[in-house]
Each structure stands twice: as C-alpha cells, then as structure tokens.
Amino acid sequence: MPPMRQELEELKARVEPPIPPSRLRGGIGPGDFWTEGWLSLDRLLEFTQSAELRHVLDVGSGLGRFALPLSTVLPENARYDGFDVAAAYVDWCKDGLGLDDRFRFRHAAVRNSQYNPEGKRSSRWFRFPFPRETFSHTVACSLYTHLTAPETKRYLRESARVLAPGGLFFGTFFLVDDGSRALLESGDTYPVFRYSVRHGYLVDRDSPGDGVAFHRVWVERQLARARLDLVSIVPGAWRTHAQGYYQDTVVARKA
C-alpha cells in the first residue's frame, strides 16, 4: 500500500464519524457514506500534497462527507469553506460534524430541481460568495452529476474565478466516451440514464438534477473556456462495475 494511503487508513481508524440522520441521507446515493468521503480524499491526494491545501472550497459540501476526512490532513493554518443549496445539510454540518473553526459552512439559496426546488436564484447565474483568486483548491464531489449544462458552465467558470493562479480544480462526473457509452446506452449503470439531451444524458427529464452524464468532449471544452488546464481524467468504477472510486475524476489547474 502506498505511504499516503497507509497513513489515511491509520487516520481513518482513529476517527469515530457521526452518522447523519436518516431523514437527510435519502439524497446522497448508495454506498458507505464515510468510505466514499475517504476515497475522495485519497484520490485528491494523488494530485496534491496535504501541505499545499492552504484554502479549500468544497462546492456542494452536502453532509460533510469530504470535509470530515479532510480535517485529518488539513494543515493547522489552512482553511475550508463549503456551501450547499440544501439548508438542512448545512445546518447538520455546523452542528453534527464537530469540526474546529478552520471549517465554515454556508447555505446558498440557489435553485436545484433535486435538492432545492424552491431556491430563489437560478444556478445559471449564481456567483460564488467569495472574492477572485481566494482558494488553492476547489473540490466538487458528486456535484456536476446533478447540474444541467448551463449550470455546469457557470460553476466551472466560477471555480476558475475563485482559484488562485496555479490552483487545483478537482471534480467528479459521469463522462460519456468510448469507454462508457455502450454500458450507459444499454441501461446497465447506476443511475440509469434514460434520456438523451444535447450535451449528454439525464436520469429524469422532469427533474434534471436527479442525475446527469455529460459527453467528455463537451466537459473538456468547458474546462478550456474557463481557462482550466486539464491535468488528468481518471475513469470511475461506474463504467466497469468494479470496486473503487465510483465517478469519473477530472483534475485541472488554473492557467
């Protein structure tokens, strides 16, 4: 086992994670809740050192699945900001995770058909509530799998805006390419993408935020337009039915 992964296993063994209440867990998908968070951190640390984590933005922070594992490696003088469109998620993170004052969570009253259908503002025009060039890293785990194409374009550009030069973008997607297309079109994936749309596929046409898969070439084009230089795309286990990190990982750097 690589040294960093061995270290994470040791850190994981020392943490007694709180379990979110069942009334909130319905929207976070299958699988072991905290294991997925540790896998996200492990994947991120393949592309950066913990000492480089100066100020991390968690876009779509959910129930703190990434924040809690991150707390074990985030340097003492570093900071974390997370925001989510689901107010109940934010409230639970503030009260239930027990993290120190390096960690801040806030609610963004932005509309999403799955997680905040009553939101006052459209995600298509949402401006992240932070100044430009604030963060060393922006992380979005299982976020772009719930955004429409216009929303994704906006969030990628906002992620680039708030990243410092050379900062790292880390996001997960369902990407449609030669390695996943046949499985997706056969309906042999979770979730099942039933509807073809302009830039990819949807799980539910009436609730686009329920699940979205984008064509890989379209995502690469949007990264370039946001001035995020692609570093790596790591295929996820969703396309092979194998064990491991489920979604496809996209890593890029601000030019």
C-alpha atoms as a PDB file:
ATOM      1  CA  MET A   1       0.000   0.000   0.000  1.00  0.00           C
ATOM      2  CA  PRO A   2       1.445   3.460  -0.914  1.00  0.00           C
ATOM      3  CA  PRO A   3       2.605   5.521   2.110  1.00  0.00           C
ATOM      4  CA  MET A   4      -0.132   8.154   1.793  1.00  0.00           C
ATOM      5  CA  ARG A   5      -2.857   5.514   1.601  1.00  0.00           C
ATOM      6  CA  GLN A   6      -1.386   3.695   4.587  1.00  0.00           C
ATOM      7  CA  GLU A   7      -1.411   6.976   6.505  1.00  0.00           C
ATOM      8  CA  LEU A   8      -5.037   7.615   5.555  1.00  0.00           C
ATOM      9  CA  GLU A   9      -6.011   4.136   6.737  1.00  0.00           C
ATOM     10  CA  GLU A  10      -4.394   4.867  10.088  1.00  0.00           C
ATOM     11  CA  LEU A  11      -6.131   8.259  10.345  1.00  0.00           C
ATOM     12  CA  LYS A  12      -9.448   6.720   9.373  1.00  0.00           C
ATOM     13  CA  ALA A  13      -9.124   4.152  12.151  1.00  0.00           C
ATOM     14  CA  ARG A  14      -8.785   6.961  14.723  1.00  0.00           C
ATOM     15  CA  VAL A  15     -11.926   8.842  13.645  1.00  0.00           C
ATOM     16  CA  GLU A  16     -15.357   7.982  15.010  1.00  0.00           C
ATOM     17  CA  PRO A  17     -17.573   9.663  12.395  1.00  0.00           C
ATOM     18  CA  PRO A  18     -21.071  10.835  13.305  1.00  0.00           C
ATOM     19  CA  ILE A  19     -23.862   9.360  11.214  1.00  0.00           C
ATOM     20  CA  PRO A  20     -26.225  11.852   9.539  1.00  0.00           C
ATOM     21  CA  PRO A  21     -29.876  11.341  10.451  1.00  0.00           C
ATOM     22  CA  SER A  22     -31.832   9.036   8.158  1.00  0.00           C
ATOM     23  CA  ARG A  23     -34.174  11.863   7.101  1.00  0.00           C
ATOM     24  CA  LEU A  24     -31.205  13.531   5.372  1.00  0.00           C
ATOM     25  CA  ARG A  25     -29.493  10.512   3.864  1.00  0.00           C
ATOM     26  CA  GLY A  26     -32.023   9.856   1.103  1.00  0.00           C
ATOM     27  CA  GLY A  27     -30.354  12.245  -1.327  1.00  0.00           C
ATOM     28  CA  ILE A  28     -26.741  11.106  -1.073  1.00  0.00           C
ATOM     29  CA  GLY A  29     -26.775   7.891  -3.072  1.00  0.00           C
ATOM     30  CA  PRO A  30     -25.797   4.306  -2.239  1.00  0.00           C
ATOM     31  CA  GLY A  31     -22.591   3.006  -0.740  1.00  0.00           C
ATOM     32  CA  ASP A  32     -20.933   3.511   2.602  1.00  0.00           C
ATOM     33  CA  PHE A  33     -21.268   7.219   3.365  1.00  0.00           C
ATOM     34  CA  TRP A  34     -17.908   7.869   5.024  1.00  0.00           C
ATOM     35  CA  THR A  35     -15.959   5.384   2.910  1.00  0.00           C
ATOM     36  CA  GLU A  36     -16.854   7.449  -0.156  1.00  0.00           C
ATOM     37  CA  GLY A  37     -15.504  10.553   1.585  1.00  0.00           C
ATOM     38  CA  TRP A  38     -12.201   8.871   2.402  1.00  0.00           C
ATOM     39  CA  LEU A  39     -11.922   7.651  -1.184  1.00  0.00           C
ATOM     40  CA  SER A  40     -12.430  11.225  -2.396  1.00  0.00           C
ATOM     41  CA  LEU A  41      -9.627  12.480  -0.170  1.00  0.00           C
ATOM     42  CA  ASP A  42      -7.371   9.631  -1.263  1.00  0.00           C
ATOM     43  CA  ARG A  43      -7.975  10.495  -4.917  1.00  0.00           C
ATOM     44  CA  LEU A  44      -7.344  14.212  -4.320  1.00  0.00           C
ATOM     45  CA  LEU A  45      -4.027  13.447  -2.618  1.00  0.00           C
ATOM     46  CA  GLU A  46      -2.878  11.662  -5.758  1.00  0.00           C
ATOM     47  CA  PHE A  47      -2.626  15.131  -7.311  1.00  0.00           C
ATOM     48  CA  THR A  48      -1.564  17.386  -4.445  1.00  0.00           C
ATOM     49  CA  GLN A  49       0.270  17.292  -1.125  1.00  0.00           C
ATOM     50  CA  SER A  50      -1.534  17.968   2.134  1.00  0.00           C
ATOM     51  CA  ALA A  51       0.851  20.897   2.790  1.00  0.00           C
ATOM     52  CA  GLU A  52      -0.493  22.564  -0.376  1.00  0.00           C
ATOM     53  CA  LEU A  53      -4.046  22.616   0.998  1.00  0.00           C
ATOM     54  CA  ARG A  54      -3.988  26.243   2.068  1.00  0.00           C
ATOM     55  CA  HIS A  55      -7.621  27.203   1.461  1.00  0.00           C
ATOM     56  CA  VAL A  56     -10.094  24.626   0.153  1.00  0.00           C
ATOM     57  CA  LEU A  57     -13.520  25.364  -1.308  1.00  0.00           C
ATOM     58  CA  ASP A  58     -15.995  22.463  -1.215  1.00  0.00           C
ATOM     59  CA  VAL A  59     -18.653  23.225  -3.829  1.00  0.00           C
ATOM     60  CA  GLY A  60     -21.747  21.286  -2.859  1.00  0.00           C
ATOM     61  CA  SER A  61     -20.491  20.298   0.581  1.00  0.00           C
ATOM     62  CA  GLY A  62     -23.519  18.090   1.291  1.00  0.00           C
ATOM     63  CA  LEU A  63     -23.429  16.321   4.647  1.00  0.00           C
ATOM     64  CA  GLY A  64     -19.699  16.831   5.139  1.00  0.00           C
ATOM     65  CA  ARG A  65     -18.653  13.565   3.524  1.00  0.00           C
ATOM     66  CA  PHE A  66     -15.457  15.177   2.238  1.00  0.00           C
ATOM     67  CA  ALA A  67     -14.983  17.766   4.991  1.00  0.00           C
ATOM     68  CA  LEU A  68     -14.599  15.299   7.850  1.00  0.00           C
ATOM     69  CA  PRO A  69     -11.851  13.177   6.220  1.00  0.00           C
ATOM     70  CA  LEU A  70     -10.153  16.388   5.053  1.00  0.00           C
ATOM     71  CA  SER A  71      -9.988  17.588   8.661  1.00  0.00           C
ATOM     72  CA  THR A  72      -7.427  14.863   9.416  1.00  0.00           C
ATOM     73  CA  VAL A  73      -4.869  16.220   6.910  1.00  0.00           C
ATOM     74  CA  LEU A  74      -5.716  19.935   6.582  1.00  0.00           C
ATOM     75  CA  PRO A  75      -2.775  21.985   7.942  1.00  0.00           C
ATOM     76  CA  GLU A  76      -3.388  23.926  11.129  1.00  0.00           C
ATOM     77  CA  ASN A  77      -3.010  27.292   9.396  1.00  0.00           C
ATOM     78  CA  ALA A  78      -5.272  26.344   6.476  1.00  0.00           C
ATOM     79  CA  ARG A  79      -8.982  26.966   5.983  1.00  0.00           C
ATOM     80  CA  TYR A  80     -12.009  25.266   4.472  1.00  0.00           C
ATOM     81  CA  ASP A  81     -15.191  26.816   3.118  1.00  0.00           C
ATOM     82  CA  GLY A  82     -18.137  24.737   1.963  1.00  0.00           C
ATOM     83  CA  PHE A  83     -21.520  25.696   0.604  1.00  0.00           C
ATOM     84  CA  ASP A  84     -24.604  23.769  -0.386  1.00  0.00           C
ATOM     85  CA  VAL A  85     -28.070  24.536  -1.745  1.00  0.00           C
ATOM     86  CA  ALA A  86     -29.730  22.295   0.880  1.00  0.00           C
ATOM     87  CA  ALA A  87     -30.099  24.300   4.088  1.00  0.00           C
ATOM     88  CA  ALA A  88     -30.703  21.171   6.187  1.00  0.00           C
ATOM     89  CA  TYR A  89     -27.352  19.755   5.046  1.00  0.00           C
ATOM     90  CA  VAL A  90     -25.551  22.944   6.033  1.00  0.00           C
ATOM     91  CA  ASP A  91     -27.229  23.042   9.439  1.00  0.00           C
ATOM     92  CA  TRP A  92     -26.233  19.445  10.131  1.00  0.00           C
ATOM     93  CA  CYS A  93     -22.615  20.077   9.136  1.00  0.00           C
ATOM     94  CA  LYS A  94     -22.437  23.018  11.528  1.00  0.00           C
ATOM     95  CA  ASP A  95     -23.990  21.141  14.439  1.00  0.00           C
ATOM     96  CA  GLY A  96     -23.186  17.486  13.786  1.00  0.00           C
ATOM     97  CA  LEU A  97     -19.630  17.211  12.472  1.00  0.00           C
ATOM     98  CA  GLY A  98     -17.868  18.743  15.467  1.00  0.00           C
ATOM     99  CA  LEU A  99     -15.141  20.369  13.357  1.00  0.00           C
ATOM    100  CA  ASP A 100     -12.957  23.243  14.535  1.00  0.00           C
ATOM    101  CA  ASP A 101     -13.102  26.874  13.437  1.00  0.00           C
ATOM    102  CA  ARG A 102     -10.985  26.257  10.328  1.00  0.00           C
ATOM    103  CA  PHE A 103     -14.206  24.877   8.821  1.00  0.00           C
ATOM    104  CA  ARG A 104     -17.036  27.124   7.680  1.00  0.00           C
ATOM    105  CA  PHE A 105     -20.301  26.057   6.044  1.00  0.00           C
ATOM    106  CA  ARG A 106     -22.868  28.299   4.403  1.00  0.00           C
ATOM    107  CA  HIS A 107     -26.176  27.959   2.619  1.00  0.00           C
ATOM    108  CA  ALA A 108     -26.591  29.119  -0.971  1.00  0.00           C
ATOM    109  CA  ALA A 109     -30.290  29.697  -1.692  1.00  0.00           C
ATOM    110  CA  VAL A 110     -29.871  28.520  -5.265  1.00  0.00           C
ATOM    111  CA  ARG A 111     -32.460  26.515  -7.188  1.00  0.00           C
ATOM    112  CA  ASN A 112     -31.833  22.842  -7.967  1.00  0.00           C
ATOM    113  CA  SER A 113     -34.598  20.527  -9.143  1.00  0.00           C
ATOM    114  CA  GLN A 114     -33.418  17.730  -6.870  1.00  0.00           C
ATOM    115  CA  TYR A 115     -32.008  19.409  -3.748  1.00  0.00           C
ATOM    116  CA  ASN A 116     -33.596  22.851  -3.562  1.00  0.00           C
ATOM    117  CA  PRO A 117     -36.527  23.220  -5.989  1.00  0.00           C
ATOM    118  CA  GLU A 118     -37.797  26.275  -4.092  1.00  0.00           C
ATOM    119  CA  GLY A 119     -34.496  28.156  -4.360  1.00  0.00           C
ATOM    120  CA  LYS A 120     -34.803  31.864  -5.098  1.00  0.00           C
ATOM    121  CA  ARG A 121     -31.888  32.190  -7.528  1.00  0.00           C
ATOM    122  CA  SER A 122     -31.046  30.308 -10.681  1.00  0.00           C
ATOM    123  CA  SER A 123     -27.831  28.289 -10.627  1.00  0.00           C
ATOM    124  CA  ARG A 124     -27.188  29.520 -14.168  1.00  0.00           C
ATOM    125  CA  TRP A 125     -26.301  32.984 -12.857  1.00  0.00           C
ATOM    126  CA  PHE A 126     -25.006  32.101  -9.398  1.00  0.00           C
ATOM    127  CA  ARG A 127     -21.842  33.879  -8.312  1.00  0.00           C
ATOM    128  CA  PHE A 128     -19.847  32.048  -5.664  1.00  0.00           C
ATOM    129  CA  PRO A 129     -19.845  34.218  -2.498  1.00  0.00           C
ATOM    130  CA  PHE A 130     -16.052  34.649  -2.456  1.00  0.00           C
ATOM    131  CA  PRO A 131     -13.540  37.071  -3.997  1.00  0.00           C
ATOM    132  CA  ARG A 132     -11.487  36.095  -7.010  1.00  0.00           C
ATOM    133  CA  GLU A 133      -8.247  34.125  -6.514  1.00  0.00           C
ATOM    134  CA  THR A 134      -9.155  33.117  -2.952  1.00  0.00           C
ATOM    135  CA  PHE A 135      -8.600  29.355  -2.959  1.00  0.00           C
ATOM    136  CA  SER A 136      -5.736  26.954  -3.511  1.00  0.00           C
ATOM    137  CA  HIS A 137      -8.194  24.115  -4.306  1.00  0.00           C
ATOM    138  CA  THR A 138     -11.816  23.793  -5.388  1.00  0.00           C
ATOM    139  CA  VAL A 139     -13.398  20.391  -4.794  1.00  0.00           C
ATOM    140  CA  ALA A 140     -16.773  19.216  -6.097  1.00  0.00           C
ATOM    141  CA  CYS A 141     -17.611  15.591  -5.326  1.00  0.00           C
ATOM    142  CA  SER A 142     -20.851  14.334  -6.881  1.00  0.00           C
ATOM    143  CA  LEU A 143     -21.939  17.863  -7.779  1.00  0.00           C
ATOM    144  CA  TYR A 144     -21.642  18.063 -11.553  1.00  0.00           C
ATOM    145  CA  THR A 145     -23.620  14.826 -11.714  1.00  0.00           C
ATOM    146  CA  HIS A 146     -26.603  16.930 -10.533  1.00  0.00           C
ATOM    147  CA  LEU A 147     -26.198  20.108 -12.606  1.00  0.00           C
ATOM    148  CA  THR A 148     -27.552  20.901 -16.050  1.00  0.00           C
ATOM    149  CA  ALA A 149     -25.221  22.000 -18.845  1.00  0.00           C
ATOM    150  CA  PRO A 150     -25.785  25.777 -18.325  1.00  0.00           C
ATOM    151  CA  GLU A 151     -25.305  25.348 -14.579  1.00  0.00           C
ATOM    152  CA  THR A 152     -22.121  23.345 -15.123  1.00  0.00           C
ATOM    153  CA  LYS A 153     -20.677  26.005 -17.425  1.00  0.00           C
ATOM    154  CA  ARG A 154     -21.359  28.625 -14.757  1.00  0.00           C
ATOM    155  CA  TYR A 155     -19.902  26.583 -11.898  1.00  0.00           C
ATOM    156  CA  LEU A 156     -16.741  25.771 -13.835  1.00  0.00           C
ATOM    157  CA  ARG A 157     -16.169  29.443 -14.593  1.00  0.00           C
ATOM    158  CA  GLU A 158     -16.860  30.422 -11.007  1.00  0.00           C
ATOM    159  CA  SER A 159     -14.478  27.723  -9.783  1.00  0.00           C
ATOM    160  CA  ALA A 160     -11.798  29.186 -12.017  1.00  0.00           C
ATOM    161  CA  ARG A 161     -12.558  32.731 -10.865  1.00  0.00           C
ATOM    162  CA  VAL A 162     -12.082  31.959  -7.181  1.00  0.00           C
ATOM    163  CA  LEU A 163      -8.963  29.801  -7.711  1.00  0.00           C
ATOM    164  CA  ALA A 164      -5.564  31.393  -7.246  1.00  0.00           C
ATOM    165  CA  PRO A 165      -3.184  31.083 -10.230  1.00  0.00           C
ATOM    166  CA  GLY A 166      -1.935  27.517 -10.341  1.00  0.00           C
ATOM    167  CA  GLY A 167      -4.788  26.382  -8.080  1.00  0.00           C
ATOM    168  CA  LEU A 168      -6.219  22.895  -8.460  1.00  0.00           C
ATOM    169  CA  PHE A 169      -9.727  22.031  -9.647  1.00  0.00           C
ATOM    170  CA  PHE A 170     -10.982  18.577  -8.572  1.00  0.00           C
ATOM    171  CA  GLY A 171     -14.428  17.433  -9.666  1.00  0.00           C
ATOM    172  CA  THR A 172     -16.322  14.219 -10.323  1.00  0.00           C
ATOM    173  CA  PHE A 173     -18.568  13.491 -13.292  1.00  0.00           C
ATOM    174  CA  PHE A 174     -20.301  10.783 -15.250  1.00  0.00           C
ATOM    175  CA  LEU A 175     -18.491  11.156 -18.575  1.00  0.00           C
ATOM    176  CA  VAL A 176     -19.810   9.688 -21.794  1.00  0.00           C
ATOM    177  CA  ASP A 177     -16.971   8.483 -24.020  1.00  0.00           C
ATOM    178  CA  ASP A 178     -15.867   5.351 -25.853  1.00  0.00           C
ATOM    179  CA  GLY A 179     -15.290   3.588 -22.531  1.00  0.00           C
ATOM    180  CA  SER A 180     -18.747   4.213 -21.089  1.00  0.00           C
ATOM    181  CA  ARG A 181     -21.175   4.846 -23.948  1.00  0.00           C
ATOM    182  CA  ALA A 182     -22.257   1.268 -24.630  1.00  0.00           C
ATOM    183  CA  LEU A 183     -22.859   0.495 -20.942  1.00  0.00           C
ATOM    184  CA  LEU A 184     -24.796   3.727 -20.442  1.00  0.00           C
ATOM    185  CA  GLU A 185     -26.953   3.261 -23.541  1.00  0.00           C
ATOM    186  CA  SER A 186     -27.765  -0.320 -22.530  1.00  0.00           C
ATOM    187  CA  GLY A 187     -29.113   0.930 -19.186  1.00  0.00           C
ATOM    188  CA  ASP A 188     -26.593  -1.153 -17.278  1.00  0.00           C
ATOM    189  CA  THR A 189     -25.379   1.608 -14.943  1.00  0.00           C
ATOM    190  CA  TYR A 190     -26.375   3.191 -11.659  1.00  0.00           C
ATOM    191  CA  PRO A 191     -28.086   5.504 -12.046  1.00  0.00           C
ATOM    192  CA  VAL A 192     -29.814   4.588 -15.313  1.00  0.00           C
ATOM    193  CA  PHE A 193     -29.658   7.459 -17.804  1.00  0.00           C
ATOM    194  CA  ARG A 194     -32.867   7.215 -19.816  1.00  0.00           C
ATOM    195  CA  TYR A 195     -32.981  10.468 -21.770  1.00  0.00           C
ATOM    196  CA  SER A 196     -30.555  11.787 -24.355  1.00  0.00           C
ATOM    197  CA  VAL A 197     -30.149  15.576 -24.326  1.00  0.00           C
ATOM    198  CA  ARG A 198     -27.910  17.975 -26.209  1.00  0.00           C
ATOM    199  CA  HIS A 199     -24.743  17.589 -24.125  1.00  0.00           C
ATOM    200  CA  GLY A 200     -25.309  14.203 -22.534  1.00  0.00           C
ATOM    201  CA  TYR A 201     -27.972  12.170 -20.745  1.00  0.00           C
ATOM    202  CA  LEU A 202     -30.468  12.607 -17.900  1.00  0.00           C
ATOM    203  CA  VAL A 203     -31.965  10.193 -15.399  1.00  0.00           C
ATOM    204  CA  ASP A 204     -35.250  12.145 -15.242  1.00  0.00           C
ATOM    205  CA  ARG A 205     -36.270  14.721 -17.823  1.00  0.00           C
ATOM    206  CA  ASP A 206     -38.690  16.352 -15.349  1.00  0.00           C
ATOM    207  CA  SER A 207     -36.033  16.657 -12.640  1.00  0.00           C
ATOM    208  CA  PRO A 208     -32.703  17.203 -14.407  1.00  0.00           C
ATOM    209  CA  GLY A 209     -30.811  17.476 -11.127  1.00  0.00           C
ATOM    210  CA  ASP A 210     -31.592  13.856 -10.289  1.00  0.00           C
ATOM    211  CA  GLY A 211     -28.645  12.638 -12.387  1.00  0.00           C
ATOM    212  CA  VAL A 212     -26.620  13.931 -15.323  1.00  0.00           C
ATOM    213  CA  ALA A 213     -23.965  12.398 -17.582  1.00  0.00           C
ATOM    214  CA  PHE A 214     -22.045  14.718 -19.919  1.00  0.00           C
ATOM    215  CA  HIS A 215     -20.160  13.984 -23.106  1.00  0.00           C
ATOM    216  CA  ARG A 216     -16.472  14.047 -22.231  1.00  0.00           C
ATOM    217  CA  VAL A 217     -15.551  16.271 -25.183  1.00  0.00           C
ATOM    218  CA  TRP A 218     -18.087  18.857 -24.025  1.00  0.00           C
ATOM    219  CA  VAL A 219     -16.660  18.902 -20.491  1.00  0.00           C
ATOM    220  CA  GLU A 220     -13.129  19.283 -21.832  1.00  0.00           C
ATOM    221  CA  ARG A 221     -14.292  22.201 -23.970  1.00  0.00           C
ATOM    222  CA  GLN A 222     -15.912  23.926 -20.986  1.00  0.00           C
ATOM    223  CA  LEU A 223     -12.767  23.494 -18.900  1.00  0.00           C
ATOM    224  CA  ALA A 224     -10.729  25.160 -21.634  1.00  0.00           C
ATOM    225  CA  ARG A 225     -13.212  28.034 -21.899  1.00  0.00           C
ATOM    226  CA  ALA A 226     -12.994  28.524 -18.135  1.00  0.00           C
ATOM    227  CA  ARG A 227      -9.183  28.621 -18.502  1.00  0.00           C
ATOM    228  CA  LEU A 228      -8.708  25.468 -16.512  1.00  0.00           C
ATOM    229  CA  ASP A 229      -5.897  23.363 -17.976  1.00  0.00           C
ATOM    230  CA  LEU A 230      -6.734  19.665 -17.908  1.00  0.00           C
ATOM    231  CA  VAL A 231      -4.304  17.599 -15.814  1.00  0.00           C
ATOM    232  CA  SER A 232      -5.987  14.204 -15.745  1.00  0.00           C
ATOM    233  CA  ILE A 233      -9.224  12.283 -16.183  1.00  0.00           C
ATOM    234  CA  VAL A 234      -9.408   9.083 -14.131  1.00  0.00           C
ATOM    235  CA  PRO A 235     -12.216   6.706 -15.171  1.00  0.00           C
ATOM    236  CA  GLY A 236     -14.552   5.653 -12.371  1.00  0.00           C
ATOM    237  CA  ALA A 237     -15.886   2.268 -11.383  1.00  0.00           C
ATOM    238  CA  TRP A 238     -19.400   3.115 -12.600  1.00  0.00           C
ATOM    239  CA  ARG A 239     -18.353   2.198 -16.139  1.00  0.00           C
ATOM    240  CA  THR A 240     -16.875  -1.215 -15.281  1.00  0.00           C
ATOM    241  CA  HIS A 241     -18.895  -2.488 -12.285  1.00  0.00           C
ATOM    242  CA  ALA A 242     -15.550  -2.809 -10.489  1.00  0.00           C
ATOM    243  CA  GLN A 243     -14.681  -1.811  -6.943  1.00  0.00           C
ATOM    244  CA  GLY A 244     -13.175   1.622  -6.345  1.00  0.00           C
ATOM    245  CA  TYR A 245     -13.969   5.295  -6.745  1.00  0.00           C
ATOM    246  CA  TYR A 246     -17.346   5.339  -8.446  1.00  0.00           C
ATOM    247  CA  GLN A 247     -17.472   8.503 -10.539  1.00  0.00           C
ATOM    248  CA  ASP A 248     -15.006   9.789 -13.125  1.00  0.00           C
ATOM    249  CA  THR A 249     -12.467  12.231 -11.701  1.00  0.00           C
ATOM    250  CA  VAL A 250     -11.496  15.397 -13.569  1.00  0.00           C
ATOM    251  CA  VAL A 251      -8.441  17.334 -12.382  1.00  0.00           C
ATOM    252  CA  ALA A 252      -7.319  20.671 -13.851  1.00  0.00           C
ATOM    253  CA  ARG A 253      -5.203  23.693 -12.933  1.00  0.00           C
ATOM    254  CA  LYS A 254      -5.935  27.358 -13.333  1.00  0.00           C
ATOM    255  CA  ALA A 255      -3.675  28.742 -16.031  1.00  0.00           C
END
